Amino acid sequence: MENALIAFVSIMVLGGVIFYSLWWEGGNVGFTFAKWFFGIFFVAALVVGGYTYFMS
């Protein structure tokens, strides 16, 4: 169970770091982009966490 939580948090942190780097570069990061970006990373984190949970 701990491995699944670590996998979930790792993907969310990765998404946060990528988003921060995009924002820092001064790109056109609007609310719509942020909503879709974090939605996609949240789904990816759920998939990876679920896969890790059920395969361990």
N, C-alpha and C. Protein backbone atom coordinates (compact mmCIF):
# COMPACT_ATOMS: atom_id res chain seq x y z
N MET A 1 0.82 -1.19 0.00
CA MET A 1 0.00 0.00 0.00
C MET A 1 0.87 1.26 0.00
N GLU A 2 1.98 1.22 0.73
CA GLU A 2 2.86 2.39 0.77
C GLU A 2 3.46 2.67 -0.60
N ASN A 3 3.77 1.61 -1.35
CA ASN A 3 4.34 1.80 -2.68
C ASN A 3 3.35 2.50 -3.61
N ALA A 4 2.08 2.17 -3.51
CA ALA A 4 1.07 2.81 -4.34
C ALA A 4 0.95 4.29 -3.99
N LEU A 5 1.01 4.60 -2.70
CA LEU A 5 0.94 6.00 -2.28
C LEU A 5 2.17 6.77 -2.76
N ILE A 6 3.33 6.15 -2.67
CA ILE A 6 4.55 6.79 -3.16
C ILE A 6 4.46 7.03 -4.67
N ALA A 7 3.93 6.06 -5.41
CA ALA A 7 3.79 6.22 -6.86
C ALA A 7 2.82 7.36 -7.18
N PHE A 8 1.70 7.44 -6.46
CA PHE A 8 0.71 8.49 -6.68
C PHE A 8 1.32 9.86 -6.41
N VAL A 9 1.97 10.00 -5.27
CA VAL A 9 2.55 11.29 -4.89
C VAL A 9 3.68 11.67 -5.85
N SER A 10 4.46 10.70 -6.29
CA SER A 10 5.56 10.99 -7.21
C SER A 10 5.05 11.55 -8.53
N ILE A 11 3.98 10.99 -9.06
CA ILE A 11 3.42 11.50 -10.31
C ILE A 11 2.85 12.90 -10.11
N MET A 12 2.19 13.15 -8.98
CA MET A 12 1.64 14.48 -8.72
C MET A 12 2.76 15.51 -8.55
N VAL A 13 3.84 15.13 -7.90
CA VAL A 13 4.97 16.05 -7.74
C VAL A 13 5.61 16.33 -9.09
N LEU A 14 5.75 15.29 -9.92
CA LEU A 14 6.30 15.47 -11.26
C LEU A 14 5.45 16.46 -12.05
N GLY A 15 4.13 16.32 -11.98
CA GLY A 15 3.24 17.26 -12.65
C GLY A 15 3.40 18.67 -12.13
N GLY A 16 3.55 18.81 -10.82
CA GLY A 16 3.75 20.13 -10.23
C GLY A 16 5.05 20.78 -10.67
N VAL A 17 6.10 19.99 -10.75
CA VAL A 17 7.40 20.52 -11.18
C VAL A 17 7.34 20.94 -12.64
N ILE A 18 6.72 20.14 -13.48
CA ILE A 18 6.60 20.49 -14.89
C ILE A 18 5.75 21.75 -15.05
N PHE A 19 4.64 21.83 -14.32
CA PHE A 19 3.79 23.02 -14.40
C PHE A 19 4.54 24.26 -13.93
N TYR A 20 5.28 24.13 -12.84
CA TYR A 20 6.04 25.27 -12.32
C TYR A 20 7.09 25.73 -13.32
N SER A 21 7.76 24.77 -13.97
CA SER A 21 8.77 25.16 -14.96
C SER A 21 8.13 25.84 -16.17
N LEU A 22 6.95 25.38 -16.59
CA LEU A 22 6.25 26.05 -17.69
C LEU A 22 5.82 27.46 -17.28
N TRP A 23 5.35 27.60 -16.06
CA TRP A 23 4.92 28.90 -15.57
C TRP A 23 6.12 29.84 -15.43
N TRP A 24 7.23 29.32 -14.95
CA TRP A 24 8.41 30.14 -14.73
C TRP A 24 8.98 30.65 -16.05
N GLU A 25 8.89 29.87 -17.12
CA GLU A 25 9.40 30.29 -18.41
C GLU A 25 8.54 31.40 -19.02
N GLY A 26 7.42 31.69 -18.44
CA GLY A 26 6.60 32.80 -18.90
C GLY A 26 5.66 32.42 -20.03
N GLY A 27 5.38 31.13 -20.17
CA GLY A 27 4.46 30.70 -21.20
C GLY A 27 3.04 31.16 -20.90
N ASN A 28 2.20 31.03 -21.84
CA ASN A 28 0.81 31.45 -21.69
C ASN A 28 0.06 30.36 -20.93
N VAL A 29 0.22 30.36 -19.61
CA VAL A 29 -0.40 29.36 -18.76
C VAL A 29 -1.66 29.97 -18.16
N GLY A 30 -2.79 29.59 -18.73
CA GLY A 30 -4.06 30.10 -18.24
C GLY A 30 -4.76 29.08 -17.37
N PHE A 31 -5.93 29.45 -16.87
CA PHE A 31 -6.70 28.56 -16.00
C PHE A 31 -7.15 27.31 -16.73
N THR A 32 -7.56 27.45 -17.99
CA THR A 32 -8.02 26.28 -18.76
C THR A 32 -6.89 25.29 -18.95
N PHE A 33 -5.70 25.78 -19.29
CA PHE A 33 -4.55 24.90 -19.44
C PHE A 33 -4.23 24.21 -18.12
N ALA A 34 -4.23 24.97 -17.03
CA ALA A 34 -3.90 24.40 -15.72
C ALA A 34 -4.91 23.33 -15.33
N LYS A 35 -6.18 23.59 -15.60
CA LYS A 35 -7.23 22.62 -15.26
C LYS A 35 -7.02 21.31 -16.01
N TRP A 36 -6.78 21.38 -17.31
CA TRP A 36 -6.56 20.18 -18.10
C TRP A 36 -5.25 19.49 -17.73
N PHE A 37 -4.21 20.26 -17.50
CA PHE A 37 -2.91 19.72 -17.16
C PHE A 37 -2.97 18.90 -15.87
N PHE A 38 -3.53 19.50 -14.82
CA PHE A 38 -3.61 18.78 -13.54
C PHE A 38 -4.64 17.66 -13.58
N GLY A 39 -5.67 17.79 -14.39
CA GLY A 39 -6.62 16.70 -14.56
C GLY A 39 -5.97 15.48 -15.19
N ILE A 40 -5.17 15.72 -16.22
CA ILE A 40 -4.47 14.61 -16.88
C ILE A 40 -3.46 13.98 -15.94
N PHE A 41 -2.71 14.80 -15.20
CA PHE A 41 -1.74 14.24 -14.26
C PHE A 41 -2.43 13.52 -13.11
N PHE A 42 -3.60 13.98 -12.68
CA PHE A 42 -4.33 13.29 -11.62
C PHE A 42 -4.79 11.91 -12.08
N VAL A 43 -5.31 11.84 -13.29
CA VAL A 43 -5.73 10.54 -13.84
C VAL A 43 -4.52 9.61 -13.99
N ALA A 44 -3.40 10.16 -14.49
CA ALA A 44 -2.19 9.34 -14.63
C ALA A 44 -1.72 8.85 -13.26
N ALA A 45 -1.80 9.69 -12.24
CA ALA A 45 -1.39 9.29 -10.90
C ALA A 45 -2.31 8.21 -10.34
N LEU A 46 -3.61 8.32 -10.62
CA LEU A 46 -4.54 7.27 -10.18
C LEU A 46 -4.25 5.95 -10.87
N VAL A 47 -3.97 5.99 -12.16
CA VAL A 47 -3.67 4.77 -12.91
C VAL A 47 -2.40 4.12 -12.39
N VAL A 48 -1.34 4.92 -12.23
CA VAL A 48 -0.08 4.36 -11.76
C VAL A 48 -0.21 3.86 -10.32
N GLY A 49 -0.87 4.61 -9.46
CA GLY A 49 -1.08 4.17 -8.08
C GLY A 49 -1.91 2.91 -8.01
N GLY A 50 -2.98 2.86 -8.80
CA GLY A 50 -3.82 1.65 -8.83
C GLY A 50 -3.08 0.45 -9.35
N TYR A 51 -2.32 0.64 -10.40
CA TYR A 51 -1.52 -0.46 -10.97
C TYR A 51 -0.51 -0.96 -9.94
N THR A 52 0.16 -0.03 -9.27
CA THR A 52 1.14 -0.43 -8.25
C THR A 52 0.46 -1.14 -7.09
N TYR A 53 -0.71 -0.68 -6.69
CA TYR A 53 -1.43 -1.29 -5.58
C TYR A 53 -1.87 -2.71 -5.90
N PHE A 54 -2.42 -2.92 -7.09
CA PHE A 54 -2.95 -4.24 -7.42
C PHE A 54 -1.89 -5.22 -7.89
N MET A 55 -0.75 -4.71 -8.34
CA MET A 55 0.30 -5.62 -8.82
C MET A 55 1.31 -5.98 -7.72
N SER A 56 1.24 -5.32 -6.56
CA SER A 56 2.19 -5.64 -5.51
C SER A 56 1.63 -6.64 -4.52
